[in-house]
C-alpha atoms as a PDB file:
ATOM      1  CA  UNK A   1      10.101   1.342 117.400  1.00  0.00           C
ATOM      2  CA  UNK A   2       7.765   0.433 120.225  1.00  0.00           C
ATOM      3  CA  UNK A   3       7.902   1.722 123.789  1.00  0.00           C
ATOM      4  CA  UNK A   4       9.883  -1.242 125.048  1.00  0.00           C
ATOM      5  CA  UNK A   5      12.596  -0.747 122.421  1.00  0.00           C
ATOM      6  CA  UNK A   6      12.758   2.977 123.218  1.00  0.00           C
ATOM      7  CA  UNK A   7      13.104   2.239 126.925  1.00  0.00           C
ATOM      8  CA  UNK A   8      15.833  -0.294 126.166  1.00  0.00           C
ATOM      9  CA  UNK A   9      17.792   2.359 124.227  1.00  0.00           C
ATOM     10  CA  UNK A  10      17.342   4.858 127.076  1.00  0.00           C
ATOM     11  CA  UNK A  11      18.493   2.247 129.596  1.00  0.00           C
ATOM     12  CA  UNK A  12      21.565   1.453 127.472  1.00  0.00           C
ATOM     13  CA  UNK A  13      22.408   5.156 127.310  1.00  0.00           C
ATOM     14  CA  UNK A  14      21.978   5.546 131.081  1.00  0.00           C
ATOM     15  CA  UNK A  15      24.143   2.488 131.817  1.00  0.00           C
ATOM     16  CA  UNK A  16      26.880   3.689 129.481  1.00  0.00           C
ATOM     17  CA  UNK A  17      26.884   7.186 130.973  1.00  0.00           C
ATOM     18  CA  UNK A  18      26.976   5.797 134.514  1.00  0.00           C
ATOM     19  CA  UNK A  19      29.927   3.523 133.692  1.00  0.00           C
ATOM     20  CA  UNK A  20      31.757   6.384 131.998  1.00  0.00           C
ATOM     21  CA  UNK A  21      31.186   8.745 134.925  1.00  0.00           C
ATOM     22  CA  UNK A  22      32.362   6.080 137.358  1.00  0.00           C
ATOM     23  CA  UNK A  23      35.575   5.542 135.397  1.00  0.00           C
ATOM     24  CA  UNK A  24      36.252   9.278 135.242  1.00  0.00           C
ATOM     25  CA  UNK A  25      35.676   9.717 138.985  1.00  0.00           C
ATOM     26  CA  UNK A  26      37.908   6.740 139.835  1.00  0.00           C
ATOM     27  CA  UNK A  27      40.647   8.164 137.617  1.00  0.00           C
ATOM     28  CA  UNK A  28      40.366  11.562 139.288  1.00  0.00           C
ATOM     29  CA  UNK A  29      40.636   9.839 142.668  1.00  0.00           C
ATOM     30  CA  UNK A  30      43.741   7.943 141.495  1.00  0.00           C
ATOM     31  CA  UNK A  31      45.349  11.179 140.320  1.00  0.00           C
ATOM     32  CA  UNK A  32      44.593  12.922 143.606  1.00  0.00           C
ATOM     33  CA  UNK A  33      45.910  10.056 145.734  1.00  0.00           C
ATOM     34  CA  UNK A  34      49.149   9.629 143.789  1.00  0.00           C
ATOM     35  CA  UNK A  35      50.571  11.773 141.048  1.00  0.00           C
ATOM     36  CA  UNK A  36      49.623  12.266 137.443  1.00  0.00           C
ATOM     37  CA  UNK A  37      52.646  10.331 136.148  1.00  0.00           C
ATOM     38  CA  UNK A  38      51.788   7.156 138.052  1.00  0.00           C
ATOM     39  CA  UNK A  39      48.150   7.492 137.000  1.00  0.00           C
ATOM     40  CA  UNK A  40      48.946   7.979 133.309  1.00  0.00           C
ATOM     41  CA  UNK A  41      47.819   4.462 132.348  1.00  0.00           C
ATOM     42  CA  UNK A  42      44.526   4.962 134.171  1.00  0.00           C
ATOM     43  CA  UNK A  43      44.073   8.220 132.290  1.00  0.00           C
ATOM     44  CA  UNK A  44      44.650   6.437 128.973  1.00  0.00           C
ATOM     45  CA  UNK A  45      42.254   3.649 129.914  1.00  0.00           C
ATOM     46  CA  UNK A  46      39.620   6.218 130.838  1.00  0.00           C
ATOM     47  CA  UNK A  47      40.158   8.171 127.626  1.00  0.00           C
ATOM     48  CA  UNK A  48      39.664   5.002 125.570  1.00  0.00           C
ATOM     49  CA  UNK A  49      36.571   4.035 127.563  1.00  0.00           C
ATOM     50  CA  UNK A  50      35.045   7.510 127.266  1.00  0.00           C
ATOM     51  CA  UNK A  51      35.567   7.640 123.508  1.00  0.00           C
ATOM     52  CA  UNK A  52      34.093   4.168 122.943  1.00  0.00           C
ATOM     53  CA  UNK A  53      31.193   4.899 125.276  1.00  0.00           C
ATOM     54  CA  UNK A  54      30.385   8.185 123.562  1.00  0.00           C
ATOM     55  CA  UNK A  55      30.196   6.375 120.222  1.00  0.00           C
ATOM     56  CA  UNK A  56      27.706   3.869 121.675  1.00  0.00           C
ATOM     57  CA  UNK A  57      25.659   6.647 123.288  1.00  0.00           C
ATOM     58  CA  UNK A  58      25.551   8.572 120.025  1.00  0.00           C
ATOM     59  CA  UNK A  59      24.507   5.449 118.086  1.00  0.00           C
ATOM     60  CA  UNK A  60      21.745   4.628 120.576  1.00  0.00           C
ATOM     61  CA  UNK A  61      20.535   8.237 120.571  1.00  0.00           C
ATOM     62  CA  UNK A  62      20.377   8.230 116.770  1.00  0.00           C
ATOM     63  CA  UNK A  63      18.366   5.007 116.733  1.00  0.00           C
ATOM     64  CA  UNK A  64      16.056   6.274 119.449  1.00  0.00           C
ATOM     65  CA  UNK A  65      15.460   9.653 117.835  1.00  0.00           C
ATOM     66  CA  UNK A  66      14.868   8.206 114.402  1.00  0.00           C
ATOM     67  CA  UNK A  67      11.594   6.752 115.599  1.00  0.00           C
ATOM     68  CA  UNK A  68      10.316   9.338 118.078  1.00  0.00           C
ATOM     69  CA  UNK A  69      11.231  12.789 116.748  1.00  0.00           C
ATOM     70  CA  UNK A  70      10.223  14.892 113.758  1.00  0.00           C
ATOM     71  CA  UNK A  71      12.872  15.447 111.090  1.00  0.00           C
ATOM     72  CA  UNK A  72      13.616  19.033 112.157  1.00  0.00           C
ATOM     73  CA  UNK A  73      13.809  18.158 115.855  1.00  0.00           C
ATOM     74  CA  UNK A  74      15.875  15.055 115.143  1.00  0.00           C
ATOM     75  CA  UNK A  75      18.429  17.030 113.112  1.00  0.00           C
ATOM     76  CA  UNK A  76      18.751  19.691 115.820  1.00  0.00           C
ATOM     77  CA  UNK A  77      19.156  17.175 118.654  1.00  0.00           C
ATOM     78  CA  UNK A  78      21.568  14.942 116.734  1.00  0.00           C
ATOM     79  CA  UNK A  79      23.760  17.917 115.860  1.00  0.00           C
ATOM     80  CA  UNK A  80      23.911  18.848 119.558  1.00  0.00           C
ATOM     81  CA  UNK A  81      24.717  15.276 120.569  1.00  0.00           C
ATOM     82  CA  UNK A  82      27.430  15.005 117.908  1.00  0.00           C
ATOM     83  CA  UNK A  83      28.990  18.319 118.969  1.00  0.00           C
ATOM     84  CA  UNK A  84      29.005  17.378 122.673  1.00  0.00           C
ATOM     85  CA  UNK A  85      30.440  13.930 122.000  1.00  0.00           C
ATOM     86  CA  UNK A  86      33.125  15.390 119.723  1.00  0.00           C
ATOM     87  CA  UNK A  87      34.218  17.787 122.473  1.00  0.00           C
ATOM     88  CA  UNK A  88      34.837  14.896 124.856  1.00  0.00           C
ATOM     89  CA  UNK A  89      36.381  12.357 122.474  1.00  0.00           C
ATOM     90  CA  UNK A  90      40.085  11.713 122.211  1.00  0.00           C
ATOM     91  CA  UNK A  91      41.572  12.128 118.737  1.00  0.00           C
ATOM     92  CA  UNK A  92      43.812   9.063 118.440  1.00  0.00           C
ATOM     93  CA  UNK A  93      42.065   6.189 120.172  1.00  0.00           C
ATOM     94  CA  UNK A  94      43.988   3.591 118.181  1.00  0.00           C
ATOM     95  CA  UNK A  95      47.262   5.040 119.438  1.00  0.00           C
ATOM     96  CA  UNK A  96      45.920   5.216 122.989  1.00  0.00           C
ATOM     97  CA  UNK A  97      44.811   1.591 122.863  1.00  0.00           C
ATOM     98  CA  UNK A  98      48.200   0.542 121.504  1.00  0.00           C
ATOM     99  CA  UNK A  99      49.901   2.317 124.418  1.00  0.00           C
ATOM    100  CA  UNK A 100      47.587   0.497 126.839  1.00  0.00           C
ATOM    101  CA  UNK A 101      48.350  -2.862 125.210  1.00  0.00           C
ATOM    102  CA  UNK A 102      52.080  -2.133 125.346  1.00  0.00           C
ATOM    103  CA  UNK A 103      51.895  -1.285 129.063  1.00  0.00           C
ATOM    104  CA  UNK A 104      49.980  -4.491 129.792  1.00  0.00           C
ATOM    105  CA  UNK A 105      52.441  -6.571 127.749  1.00  0.00           C
ATOM    106  CA  UNK A 106      55.434  -4.997 129.494  1.00  0.00           C
ATOM    107  CA  UNK A 107      53.972  -5.617 132.930  1.00  0.00           C
ATOM    108  CA  UNK A 108      53.159  -9.244 132.117  1.00  0.00           C
ATOM    109  CA  UNK A 109      50.691  -9.015 134.972  1.00  0.00           C
ATOM    110  CA  UNK A 110      47.394  -7.524 135.988  1.00  0.00           C
ATOM    111  CA  UNK A 111      47.628  -3.737 136.062  1.00  0.00           C
ATOM    112  CA  UNK A 112      45.476  -1.865 138.568  1.00  0.00           C
END
């Protein structure tokens, strides 16, 4: 992997993390301005986004590290990344996404 490819992976990771943080902060703001029950769909949307984003971040980190780190260092870092991502991921993303789809179908309209 050359420097440009490594920088592209780092940029993808940064963009994903920024988007994820933005979604989390907007969801927190929605919860604070209303109540948790009315923000439940936003929470589900954020959970699904966070889980999908963490998978992309982990994949990009693996690809990046495979070309720039020694085997021992790579194993250590990847284990840390996997553990951190696992802590933040939601267990049943398929179920969460089905609930989101059901809410959108029931509303038959744009949901904000």
